[in-house]
Amino acid sequence: MGLEIENFLSQLSEEDRALFQSVLETVSKADKTVKAEIGNIMGGQPGLVFNQEGVFKYGLAKTTKHYTFHSMVMYAFPELLEELKSKTKGIKFQKGCFNFSSPERLEMSVFQEFMQHSSEKDFMPIVRKYQAKKK
């Protein structure tokens, strides 16, 4: 874990730090193609950002109202969204993200399974598309 991530985590409450560390470990274990760093999620709150070859893939942030996890994989592969919806309660979904009011709402066993399924999807065509736009 890099110093920037350690500094970010050290500023969080104990409850938030536990959630962010768990998500960091889960995503990093499931998806070896991503690099974690601290950044702004969708132009909003600072949080954990996971990029694949410099392209945003996942992110976790806390807003004043809830926690939000963004997944471009879920956006690109809607079946992941439907699967996750069927296995959770108390989570609000949008096309490429889900929001939850407390860390307890995110069942880590379900999230781990979601991340495993997400990592199995071929995200490289999307990475190439965004990289081509940057040139």
Foldseek 3Di string as FASTA:
>chain_A
DDPQVVVVLVPDDPQVSVLQVLVVVLLVVQAVQWDWHWDADPPHAIFIFIDGVNHTAWTWDADPAWIKIFGVLCLVPVVLVVVLVVVFPQWDDDNGMITHRGSVRDDSVSVSVSSNVSNPDDCVVVVVVVVVVVD
